[in-house]
């Protein structure tokens, strides 16, 4: 995430990042990513990811652009599974501690 800058943030709602570094922008293209929380039910929350990408026009890396969606699919799935595990373990710890003050 070091190649991204924070565009927008609302606690417990969303975070939006934009690819910022010129070198990364040349390789990956122009990318904006948002992580959005939505209430799925009173006891569940859904994390949505929205990724907007404009392919790079920098010739030495133009071959990378068609491969990026597949790489993103693999990396994003892994990232979301990690976040799910962290949230579930955090929720389990809170339920074991009982209600807060």
PDB file of N, CA and C in Angstrom:
ATOM      1  N   UNK A   1       0.815  -1.191   0.000  1.00  0.00           N
ATOM      2  CA  UNK A   1       0.000   0.000   0.000  1.00  0.00           C
ATOM      3  C   UNK A   1       0.860   1.258   0.000  1.00  0.00           C
ATOM      4  N   UNK A   2       2.166   1.112   0.033  1.00  0.00           N
ATOM      5  CA  UNK A   2       3.054   2.269   0.073  1.00  0.00           C
ATOM      6  C   UNK A   2       3.019   3.092  -1.213  1.00  0.00           C
ATOM      7  N   UNK A   3       2.548   2.514  -2.298  1.00  0.00           N
ATOM      8  CA  UNK A   3       2.517   3.249  -3.562  1.00  0.00           C
ATOM      9  C   UNK A   3       1.223   4.041  -3.715  1.00  0.00           C
ATOM     10  N   UNK A   4       0.340   3.981  -2.704  1.00  0.00           N
ATOM     11  CA  UNK A   4      -0.945   4.665  -2.766  1.00  0.00           C
ATOM     12  C   UNK A   4      -0.963   5.875  -1.852  1.00  0.00           C
ATOM     13  N   UNK A   5      -1.767   6.867  -2.227  1.00  0.00           N
ATOM     14  CA  UNK A   5      -2.038   8.006  -1.355  1.00  0.00           C
ATOM     15  C   UNK A   5      -3.501   7.943  -0.947  1.00  0.00           C
ATOM     16  N   UNK A   6      -3.794   8.447   0.224  1.00  0.00           N
ATOM     17  CA  UNK A   6      -5.155   8.474   0.734  1.00  0.00           C
ATOM     18  C   UNK A   6      -5.928   9.601   0.061  1.00  0.00           C
ATOM     19  N   UNK A   7      -7.046   9.254  -0.591  1.00  0.00           N
ATOM     20  CA  UNK A   7      -7.900  10.270  -1.215  1.00  0.00           C
ATOM     21  C   UNK A   7      -9.041  10.675  -0.295  1.00  0.00           C
ATOM     22  N   UNK A   8      -9.676   9.658   0.309  1.00  0.00           N
ATOM     23  CA  UNK A   8     -10.850   9.924   1.129  1.00  0.00           C
ATOM     24  C   UNK A   8     -10.976   8.839   2.192  1.00  0.00           C
ATOM     25  N   UNK A   9     -11.503   9.226   3.342  1.00  0.00           N
ATOM     26  CA  UNK A   9     -11.644   8.284   4.444  1.00  0.00           C
ATOM     27  C   UNK A   9     -12.815   8.699   5.315  1.00  0.00           C
ATOM     28  N   UNK A  10     -13.654   7.758   5.651  1.00  0.00           N
ATOM     29  CA  UNK A  10     -14.741   7.975   6.604  1.00  0.00           C
ATOM     30  C   UNK A  10     -14.731   6.788   7.564  1.00  0.00           C
ATOM     31  N   UNK A  11     -14.457   7.015   8.849  1.00  0.00           N
ATOM     32  CA  UNK A  11     -14.378   5.916   9.805  1.00  0.00           C
ATOM     33  C   UNK A  11     -15.623   5.029   9.764  1.00  0.00           C
ATOM     34  N   UNK A  12     -15.395   3.734   9.780  1.00  0.00           N
ATOM     35  CA  UNK A  12     -16.460   2.727   9.769  1.00  0.00           C
ATOM     36  C   UNK A  12     -17.325   2.771   8.509  1.00  0.00           C
ATOM     37  N   UNK A  13     -16.850   3.449   7.445  1.00  0.00           N
ATOM     38  CA  UNK A  13     -17.607   3.517   6.196  1.00  0.00           C
ATOM     39  C   UNK A  13     -16.774   3.129   4.985  1.00  0.00           C
ATOM     40  N   UNK A  14     -15.691   3.878   4.727  1.00  0.00           N
ATOM     41  CA  UNK A  14     -14.899   3.586   3.530  1.00  0.00           C
ATOM     42  C   UNK A  14     -13.521   4.231   3.593  1.00  0.00           C
ATOM     43  N   UNK A  15     -12.652   3.735   2.729  1.00  0.00           N
ATOM     44  CA  UNK A  15     -11.334   4.328   2.505  1.00  0.00           C
ATOM     45  C   UNK A  15     -11.077   4.248   1.002  1.00  0.00           C
ATOM     46  N   UNK A  16     -10.579   5.335   0.424  1.00  0.00           N
ATOM     47  CA  UNK A  16     -10.301   5.382  -1.001  1.00  0.00           C
ATOM     48  C   UNK A  16      -8.850   5.806  -1.202  1.00  0.00           C
ATOM     49  N   UNK A  17      -8.141   5.026  -2.016  1.00  0.00           N
ATOM     50  CA  UNK A  17      -6.719   5.253  -2.269  1.00  0.00           C
ATOM     51  C   UNK A  17      -6.462   5.397  -3.765  1.00  0.00           C
ATOM     52  N   UNK A  18      -5.410   6.137  -4.106  1.00  0.00           N
ATOM     53  CA  UNK A  18      -5.023   6.367  -5.502  1.00  0.00           C
ATOM     54  C   UNK A  18      -3.538   6.057  -5.638  1.00  0.00           C
ATOM     55  N   UNK A  19      -3.177   5.383  -6.728  1.00  0.00           N
ATOM     56  CA  UNK A  19      -1.770   5.082  -6.963  1.00  0.00           C
ATOM     57  C   UNK A  19      -1.048   6.414  -7.162  1.00  0.00           C
ATOM     58  N   UNK A  20       0.035   6.616  -6.433  1.00  0.00           N
ATOM     59  CA  UNK A  20       0.645   7.939  -6.359  1.00  0.00           C
ATOM     60  C   UNK A  20       2.041   8.024  -6.963  1.00  0.00           C
ATOM     61  N   UNK A  21       2.806   7.008  -6.821  1.00  0.00           N
ATOM     62  CA  UNK A  21       4.206   7.068  -7.270  1.00  0.00           C
ATOM     63  C   UNK A  21       4.305   6.979  -8.781  1.00  0.00           C
ATOM     64  N   UNK A  22       5.108   7.833  -9.360  1.00  0.00           N
ATOM     65  CA  UNK A  22       5.235   7.884 -10.823  1.00  0.00           C
ATOM     66  C   UNK A  22       5.707   6.554 -11.391  1.00  0.00           C
ATOM     67  N   UNK A  23       6.664   5.910 -10.765  1.00  0.00           N
ATOM     68  CA  UNK A  23       7.154   4.621 -11.256  1.00  0.00           C
ATOM     69  C   UNK A  23       6.073   3.563 -11.247  1.00  0.00           C
ATOM     70  N   UNK A  24       5.289   3.510 -10.170  1.00  0.00           N
ATOM     71  CA  UNK A  24       4.196   2.536 -10.078  1.00  0.00           C
ATOM     72  C   UNK A  24       3.109   2.867 -11.088  1.00  0.00           C
ATOM     73  N   UNK A  25       2.854   4.135 -11.279  1.00  0.00           N
ATOM     74  CA  UNK A  25       1.847   4.566 -12.242  1.00  0.00           C
ATOM     75  C   UNK A  25       2.238   4.140 -13.653  1.00  0.00           C
ATOM     76  N   UNK A  26       3.510   4.212 -13.976  1.00  0.00           N
ATOM     77  CA  UNK A  26       3.973   3.777 -15.302  1.00  0.00           C
ATOM     78  C   UNK A  26       3.799   2.283 -15.505  1.00  0.00           C
ATOM     79  N   UNK A  27       4.041   1.513 -14.460  1.00  0.00           N
ATOM     80  CA  UNK A  27       3.944   0.054 -14.573  1.00  0.00           C
ATOM     81  C   UNK A  27       2.491  -0.411 -14.553  1.00  0.00           C
ATOM     82  N   UNK A  28       1.728   0.047 -13.566  1.00  0.00           N
ATOM     83  CA  UNK A  28       0.379  -0.471 -13.358  1.00  0.00           C
ATOM     84  C   UNK A  28      -0.719   0.362 -14.013  1.00  0.00           C
ATOM     85  N   UNK A  29      -0.424   1.597 -14.363  1.00  0.00           N
ATOM     86  CA  UNK A  29      -1.442   2.491 -14.891  1.00  0.00           C
ATOM     87  C   UNK A  29      -2.032   3.319 -13.769  1.00  0.00           C
ATOM     88  N   UNK A  30      -3.101   4.023 -14.055  1.00  0.00           N
ATOM     89  CA  UNK A  30      -3.766   4.877 -13.080  1.00  0.00           C
ATOM     90  C   UNK A  30      -4.814   4.038 -12.346  1.00  0.00           C
ATOM     91  N   UNK A  31      -4.655   3.888 -11.034  1.00  0.00           N
ATOM     92  CA  UNK A  31      -5.527   3.002 -10.257  1.00  0.00           C
ATOM     93  C   UNK A  31      -6.104   3.741  -9.060  1.00  0.00           C
ATOM     94  N   UNK A  32      -7.403   3.566  -8.841  1.00  0.00           N
ATOM     95  CA  UNK A  32      -8.091   4.051  -7.646  1.00  0.00           C
ATOM     96  C   UNK A  32      -8.801   2.839  -7.044  1.00  0.00           C
ATOM     97  N   UNK A  33      -8.663   2.665  -5.732  1.00  0.00           N
ATOM     98  CA  UNK A  33      -9.290   1.523  -5.060  1.00  0.00           C
ATOM     99  C   UNK A  33     -10.042   2.020  -3.821  1.00  0.00           C
ATOM    100  N   UNK A  34     -11.233   1.496  -3.631  1.00  0.00           N
ATOM    101  CA  UNK A  34     -12.044   1.836  -2.459  1.00  0.00           C
ATOM    102  C   UNK A  34     -12.437   0.563  -1.724  1.00  0.00           C
ATOM    103  N   UNK A  35     -12.349   0.616  -0.412  1.00  0.00           N
ATOM    104  CA  UNK A  35     -12.844  -0.436   0.460  1.00  0.00           C
ATOM    105  C   UNK A  35     -14.056   0.161   1.175  1.00  0.00           C
ATOM    106  N   UNK A  36     -15.217  -0.459   1.019  1.00  0.00           N
ATOM    107  CA  UNK A  36     -16.470   0.090   1.536  1.00  0.00           C
ATOM    108  C   UNK A  36     -17.145  -0.944   2.443  1.00  0.00           C
ATOM    109  N   UNK A  37     -17.576  -0.508   3.615  1.00  0.00           N
ATOM    110  CA  UNK A  37     -18.308  -1.370   4.538  1.00  0.00           C
ATOM    111  C   UNK A  37     -19.800  -1.143   4.359  1.00  0.00           C
ATOM    112  N   UNK A  38     -20.567  -2.231   4.272  1.00  0.00           N
ATOM    113  CA  UNK A  38     -22.026  -2.181   4.157  1.00  0.00           C
ATOM    114  C   UNK A  38     -22.613  -3.150   5.167  1.00  0.00           C
ATOM    115  N   UNK A  39     -23.679  -2.744   5.799  1.00  0.00           N
ATOM    116  CA  UNK A  39     -24.362  -3.612   6.749  1.00  0.00           C
ATOM    117  C   UNK A  39     -25.136  -4.671   5.973  1.00  0.00           C
ATOM    118  N   UNK A  40     -24.809  -5.937   6.206  1.00  0.00           N
ATOM    119  CA  UNK A  40     -25.494  -7.051   5.547  1.00  0.00           C
ATOM    120  C   UNK A  40     -26.697  -7.504   6.376  1.00  0.00           C
ATOM    121  N   UNK A  41     -26.600  -7.350   7.675  1.00  0.00           N
ATOM    122  CA  UNK A  41     -27.676  -7.681   8.610  1.00  0.00           C
ATOM    123  C   UNK A  41     -27.306  -7.016   9.932  1.00  0.00           C
ATOM    124  N   UNK A  42     -28.170  -7.082  10.941  1.00  0.00           N
ATOM    125  CA  UNK A  42     -27.824  -6.449  12.217  1.00  0.00           C
ATOM    126  C   UNK A  42     -26.540  -6.996  12.845  1.00  0.00           C
ATOM    127  N   UNK A  43     -26.191  -8.243  12.519  1.00  0.00           N
ATOM    128  CA  UNK A  43     -25.006  -8.836  13.135  1.00  0.00           C
ATOM    129  C   UNK A  43     -23.873  -9.101  12.136  1.00  0.00           C
ATOM    130  N   UNK A  44     -23.988  -8.590  10.919  1.00  0.00           N
ATOM    131  CA  UNK A  44     -22.957  -8.872   9.909  1.00  0.00           C
ATOM    132  C   UNK A  44     -22.671  -7.627   9.070  1.00  0.00           C
ATOM    133  N   UNK A  45     -21.432  -7.535   8.637  1.00  0.00           N
ATOM    134  CA  UNK A  45     -20.996  -6.438   7.775  1.00  0.00           C
ATOM    135  C   UNK A  45     -20.325  -7.022   6.547  1.00  0.00           C
ATOM    136  N   UNK A  46     -20.548  -6.391   5.428  1.00  0.00           N
ATOM    137  CA  UNK A  46     -19.938  -6.833   4.173  1.00  0.00           C
ATOM    138  C   UNK A  46     -18.884  -5.820   3.753  1.00  0.00           C
ATOM    139  N   UNK A  47     -17.713  -6.308   3.361  1.00  0.00           N
ATOM    140  CA  UNK A  47     -16.644  -5.453   2.860  1.00  0.00           C
ATOM    141  C   UNK A  47     -16.631  -5.560   1.342  1.00  0.00           C
ATOM    142  N   UNK A  48     -16.823  -4.440   0.676  1.00  0.00           N
ATOM    143  CA  UNK A  48     -16.806  -4.397  -0.782  1.00  0.00           C
ATOM    144  C   UNK A  48     -15.544  -3.685  -1.239  1.00  0.00           C
ATOM    145  N   UNK A  49     -15.016  -4.119  -2.368  1.00  0.00           N
ATOM    146  CA  UNK A  49     -13.846  -3.478  -2.949  1.00  0.00           C
ATOM    147  C   UNK A  49     -14.196  -3.039  -4.359  1.00  0.00           C
ATOM    148  N   UNK A  50     -13.891  -1.791  -4.636  1.00  0.00           N
ATOM    149  CA  UNK A  50     -14.112  -1.262  -5.981  1.00  0.00           C
ATOM    150  C   UNK A  50     -12.756  -0.797  -6.509  1.00  0.00           C
ATOM    151  N   UNK A  51     -12.398  -1.304  -7.671  1.00  0.00           N
ATOM    152  CA  UNK A  51     -11.107  -1.006  -8.265  1.00  0.00           C
ATOM    153  C   UNK A  51     -11.331  -0.423  -9.653  1.00  0.00           C
ATOM    154  N   UNK A  52     -10.837   0.773  -9.859  1.00  0.00           N
ATOM    155  CA  UNK A  52     -10.893   1.410 -11.173  1.00  0.00           C
ATOM    156  C   UNK A  52      -9.469   1.541 -11.692  1.00  0.00           C
ATOM    157  N   UNK A  53      -9.243   1.094 -12.909  1.00  0.00           N
ATOM    158  CA  UNK A  53      -7.886   1.132 -13.458  1.00  0.00           C
ATOM    159  C   UNK A  53      -7.898   1.597 -14.901  1.00  0.00           C
ATOM    160  N   UNK A  54      -6.946   2.441 -15.215  1.00  0.00           N
ATOM    161  CA  UNK A  54      -6.703   2.859 -16.592  1.00  0.00           C
ATOM    162  C   UNK A  54      -5.345   2.277 -16.966  1.00  0.00           C
ATOM    163  N   UNK A  55      -5.320   1.523 -18.027  1.00  0.00           N
ATOM    164  CA  UNK A  55      -4.084   0.841 -18.426  1.00  0.00           C
ATOM    165  C   UNK A  55      -2.948   1.817 -18.704  1.00  0.00           C
ATOM    166  N   UNK A  56      -1.756   1.344 -18.463  1.00  0.00           N
ATOM    167  CA  UNK A  56      -0.582   2.162 -18.727  1.00  0.00           C
ATOM    168  C   UNK A  56      -0.373   2.319 -20.231  1.00  0.00           C
ATOM    169  N   UNK A  57       0.126   3.475 -20.611  1.00  0.00           N
ATOM    170  CA  UNK A  57       0.468   3.711 -22.017  1.00  0.00           C
ATOM    171  C   UNK A  57       1.977   3.747 -22.187  1.00  0.00           C
ATOM    172  N   UNK A  58       2.692   3.551 -21.088  1.00  0.00           N
ATOM    173  CA  UNK A  58       4.160   3.550 -21.118  1.00  0.00           C
ATOM    174  C   UNK A  58       4.619   2.245 -21.767  1.00  0.00           C
ATOM    175  N   UNK A  59       5.177   2.348 -22.945  1.00  0.00           N
ATOM    176  CA  UNK A  59       5.436   1.210 -23.815  1.00  0.00           C
ATOM    177  C   UNK A  59       6.197   0.037 -23.170  1.00  0.00           C
ATOM    178  N   UNK A  60       7.268   0.260 -22.408  1.00  0.00           N
ATOM    179  CA  UNK A  60       7.980  -0.904 -21.845  1.00  0.00           C
ATOM    180  C   UNK A  60       7.132  -1.782 -20.926  1.00  0.00           C
ATOM    181  N   UNK A  61       6.075  -1.214 -20.357  1.00  0.00           N
ATOM    182  CA  UNK A  61       5.243  -1.983 -19.430  1.00  0.00           C
ATOM    183  C   UNK A  61       3.836  -2.255 -19.949  1.00  0.00           C
ATOM    184  N   UNK A  62       3.570  -1.922 -21.190  1.00  0.00           N
ATOM    185  CA  UNK A  62       2.224  -2.116 -21.755  1.00  0.00           C
ATOM    186  C   UNK A  62       1.806  -3.588 -21.724  1.00  0.00           C
ATOM    187  N   UNK A  63       2.743  -4.508 -21.780  1.00  0.00           N
ATOM    188  CA  UNK A  63       2.414  -5.941 -21.757  1.00  0.00           C
ATOM    189  C   UNK A  63       1.853  -6.379 -20.409  1.00  0.00           C
ATOM    190  N   UNK A  64       2.117  -5.598 -19.352  1.00  0.00           N
ATOM    191  CA  UNK A  64       1.659  -5.954 -18.007  1.00  0.00           C
ATOM    192  C   UNK A  64       0.151  -5.753 -17.864  1.00  0.00           C
ATOM    193  N   UNK A  65      -0.402  -4.742 -18.532  1.00  0.00           N
ATOM    194  CA  UNK A  65      -1.812  -4.364 -18.350  1.00  0.00           C
ATOM    195  C   UNK A  65      -2.810  -5.511 -18.523  1.00  0.00           C
ATOM    196  N   UNK A  66      -2.693  -6.346 -19.565  1.00  0.00           N
ATOM    197  CA  UNK A  66      -3.680  -7.431 -19.693  1.00  0.00           C
ATOM    198  C   UNK A  66      -3.587  -8.476 -18.580  1.00  0.00           C
ATOM    199  N   UNK A  67      -2.443  -8.564 -17.910  1.00  0.00           N
ATOM    200  CA  UNK A  67      -2.260  -9.544 -16.837  1.00  0.00           C
ATOM    201  C   UNK A  67      -2.746  -9.043 -15.479  1.00  0.00           C
ATOM    202  N   UNK A  68      -2.859  -7.735 -15.327  1.00  0.00           N
ATOM    203  CA  UNK A  68      -3.199  -7.164 -14.026  1.00  0.00           C
ATOM    204  C   UNK A  68      -4.531  -7.646 -13.449  1.00  0.00           C
ATOM    205  N   UNK A  69      -5.604  -7.740 -14.227  1.00  0.00           N
ATOM    206  CA  UNK A  69      -6.865  -8.216 -13.611  1.00  0.00           C
ATOM    207  C   UNK A  69      -6.736  -9.597 -12.973  1.00  0.00           C
ATOM    208  N   UNK A  70      -5.987 -10.493 -13.579  1.00  0.00           N
ATOM    209  CA  UNK A  70      -5.808 -11.834 -13.008  1.00  0.00           C
ATOM    210  C   UNK A  70      -4.966 -11.775 -11.742  1.00  0.00           C
ATOM    211  N   UNK A  71      -3.925 -10.967 -11.771  1.00  0.00           N
ATOM    212  CA  UNK A  71      -3.107 -10.792 -10.569  1.00  0.00           C
ATOM    213  C   UNK A  71      -3.899 -10.143  -9.448  1.00  0.00           C
ATOM    214  N   UNK A  72      -4.708  -9.144  -9.805  1.00  0.00           N
ATOM    215  CA  UNK A  72      -5.555  -8.488  -8.805  1.00  0.00           C
ATOM    216  C   UNK A  72      -6.550  -9.467  -8.202  1.00  0.00           C
ATOM    217  N   UNK A  73      -7.122 -10.318  -9.021  1.00  0.00           N
ATOM    218  CA  UNK A  73      -8.085 -11.299  -8.527  1.00  0.00           C
ATOM    219  C   UNK A  73      -7.449 -12.187  -7.460  1.00  0.00           C
ATOM    220  N   UNK A  74      -6.271 -12.681  -7.738  1.00  0.00           N
ATOM    221  CA  UNK A  74      -5.573 -13.557  -6.790  1.00  0.00           C
ATOM    222  C   UNK A  74      -5.188 -12.790  -5.526  1.00  0.00           C
ATOM    223  N   UNK A  75      -4.574 -11.619  -5.694  1.00  0.00           N
ATOM    224  CA  UNK A  75      -4.119 -10.851  -4.535  1.00  0.00           C
ATOM    225  C   UNK A  75      -5.285 -10.314  -3.715  1.00  0.00           C
ATOM    226  N   UNK A  76      -6.326  -9.837  -4.384  1.00  0.00           N
ATOM    227  CA  UNK A  76      -7.473  -9.280  -3.671  1.00  0.00           C
ATOM    228  C   UNK A  76      -8.193 -10.362  -2.874  1.00  0.00           C
ATOM    229  N   UNK A  77      -8.340 -11.542  -3.446  1.00  0.00           N
ATOM    230  CA  UNK A  77      -8.983 -12.640  -2.719  1.00  0.00           C
ATOM    231  C   UNK A  77      -8.204 -12.964  -1.452  1.00  0.00           C
ATOM    232  N   UNK A  78      -6.896 -13.048  -1.571  1.00  0.00           N
ATOM    233  CA  UNK A  78      -6.052 -13.349  -0.415  1.00  0.00           C
ATOM    234  C   UNK A  78      -6.155 -12.245   0.639  1.00  0.00           C
ATOM    235  N   UNK A  79      -6.137 -10.997   0.175  1.00  0.00           N
ATOM    236  CA  UNK A  79      -6.228  -9.865   1.087  1.00  0.00           C
ATOM    237  C   UNK A  79      -7.570  -9.869   1.828  1.00  0.00           C
ATOM    238  N   UNK A  80      -8.656 -10.120   1.117  1.00  0.00           N
ATOM    239  CA  UNK A  80      -9.976 -10.131   1.747  1.00  0.00           C
ATOM    240  C   UNK A  80     -10.128 -11.292   2.728  1.00  0.00           C
ATOM    241  N   UNK A  81      -9.556 -12.448   2.403  1.00  0.00           N
ATOM    242  CA  UNK A  81      -9.591 -13.574   3.335  1.00  0.00           C
ATOM    243  C   UNK A  81      -8.792 -13.258   4.600  1.00  0.00           C
ATOM    244  N   UNK A  82      -7.664 -12.578   4.454  1.00  0.00           N
ATOM    245  CA  UNK A  82      -6.882 -12.166   5.627  1.00  0.00           C
ATOM    246  C   UNK A  82      -7.672 -11.184   6.493  1.00  0.00           C
ATOM    247  N   UNK A  83      -8.303 -10.203   5.860  1.00  0.00           N
ATOM    248  CA  UNK A  83      -9.113  -9.237   6.606  1.00  0.00           C
ATOM    249  C   UNK A  83     -10.283  -9.922   7.310  1.00  0.00           C
ATOM    250  N   UNK A  84     -10.910 -10.867   6.628  1.00  0.00           N
ATOM    251  CA  UNK A  84     -12.015 -11.621   7.224  1.00  0.00           C
ATOM    252  C   UNK A  84     -11.546 -12.350   8.478  1.00  0.00           C
ATOM    253  N   UNK A  85     -10.411 -13.032   8.373  1.00  0.00           N
ATOM    254  CA  UNK A  85      -9.870 -13.750   9.521  1.00  0.00           C
ATOM    255  C   UNK A  85      -9.545 -12.835  10.687  1.00  0.00           C
ATOM    256  N   UNK A  86      -8.962 -11.665  10.390  1.00  0.00           N
ATOM    257  CA  UNK A  86      -8.638 -10.707  11.443  1.00  0.00           C
ATOM    258  C   UNK A  86      -9.908 -10.180  12.118  1.00  0.00           C
ATOM    259  N   UNK A  87     -10.917  -9.875  11.321  1.00  0.00           N
ATOM    260  CA  UNK A  87     -12.181  -9.373  11.880  1.00  0.00           C
ATOM    261  C   UNK A  87     -12.877 -10.427  12.720  1.00  0.00           C
ATOM    262  N   UNK A  88     -12.898 -11.652  12.230  1.00  0.00           N
ATOM    263  CA  UNK A  88     -13.563 -12.715  12.975  1.00  0.00           C
ATOM    264  C   UNK A  88     -12.849 -13.014  14.283  1.00  0.00           C
ATOM    265  N   UNK A  89     -11.515 -13.035  14.262  1.00  0.00           N
ATOM    266  CA  UNK A  89     -10.784 -13.299  15.504  1.00  0.00           C
ATOM    267  C   UNK A  89     -10.940 -12.134  16.470  1.00  0.00           C
ATOM    268  N   UNK A  90     -10.983 -10.917  15.964  1.00  0.00           N
ATOM    269  CA  UNK A  90     -11.190  -9.748  16.811  1.00  0.00           C
ATOM    270  C   UNK A  90     -12.588  -9.771  17.419  1.00  0.00           C
ATOM    271  N   UNK A  91     -13.588 -10.141  16.643  1.00  0.00           N
ATOM    272  CA  UNK A  91     -14.955 -10.237  17.136  1.00  0.00           C
ATOM    273  C   UNK A  91     -15.107 -11.322  18.173  1.00  0.00           C
ATOM    274  N   UNK A  92     -14.390 -12.424  17.971  1.00  0.00           N
ATOM    275  CA  UNK A  92     -14.447 -13.536  18.912  1.00  0.00           C
ATOM    276  C   UNK A  92     -13.827 -13.118  20.252  1.00  0.00           C
ATOM    277  N   UNK A  93     -12.719 -12.383  20.194  1.00  0.00           N
ATOM    278  CA  UNK A  93     -12.072 -11.906  21.419  1.00  0.00           C
ATOM    279  C   UNK A  93     -13.004 -10.980  22.179  1.00  0.00           C
ATOM    280  N   UNK A  94     -13.697 -10.087  21.449  1.00  0.00           N
ATOM    281  CA  UNK A  94     -14.614  -9.154  22.099  1.00  0.00           C
ATOM    282  C   UNK A  94     -15.784  -9.887  22.754  1.00  0.00           C
ATOM    283  N   UNK A  95     -16.311 -10.914  22.090  1.00  0.00           N
ATOM    284  CA  UNK A  95     -17.454 -11.649  22.653  1.00  0.00           C
ATOM    285  C   UNK A  95     -17.014 -12.454  23.887  1.00  0.00           C
ATOM    286  N   UNK A  96     -15.779 -12.918  23.927  1.00  0.00           N
ATOM    287  CA  UNK A  96     -15.286 -13.657  25.080  1.00  0.00           C
ATOM    288  C   UNK A  96     -15.059 -12.732  26.277  1.00  0.00           C
ATOM    289  N   UNK A  97     -14.726 -11.444  25.983  1.00  0.00           N
ATOM    290  CA  UNK A  97     -14.495 -10.480  27.057  1.00  0.00           C
ATOM    291  C   UNK A  97     -15.791  -9.970  27.658  1.00  0.00           C
ATOM    292  N   UNK A  98     -16.880 -10.139  26.937  1.00  0.00           N
ATOM    293  CA  UNK A  98     -18.166  -9.640  27.420  1.00  0.00           C
ATOM    294  C   UNK A  98     -18.401  -8.228  26.951  1.00  0.00           C
ATOM    295  N   UNK A  99     -19.545  -7.667  27.317  1.00  0.00           N
ATOM    296  CA  UNK A  99     -19.879  -6.317  26.880  1.00  0.00           C
ATOM    297  C   UNK A  99     -18.920  -5.291  27.473  1.00  0.00           C
ATOM    298  N   UNK A 100     -18.650  -4.280  26.676  1.00  0.00           N
ATOM    299  CA  UNK A 100     -17.748  -3.214  27.118  1.00  0.00           C
ATOM    300  C   UNK A 100     -18.450  -2.254  28.055  1.00  0.00           C
ATOM    301  N   UNK A 101     -17.699  -1.261  28.584  1.00  0.00           N
ATOM    302  CA  UNK A 101     -18.278  -0.304  29.537  1.00  0.00           C
ATOM    303  C   UNK A 101     -19.321   0.570  28.912  1.00  0.00           C
TER     304      UNK A 101
END
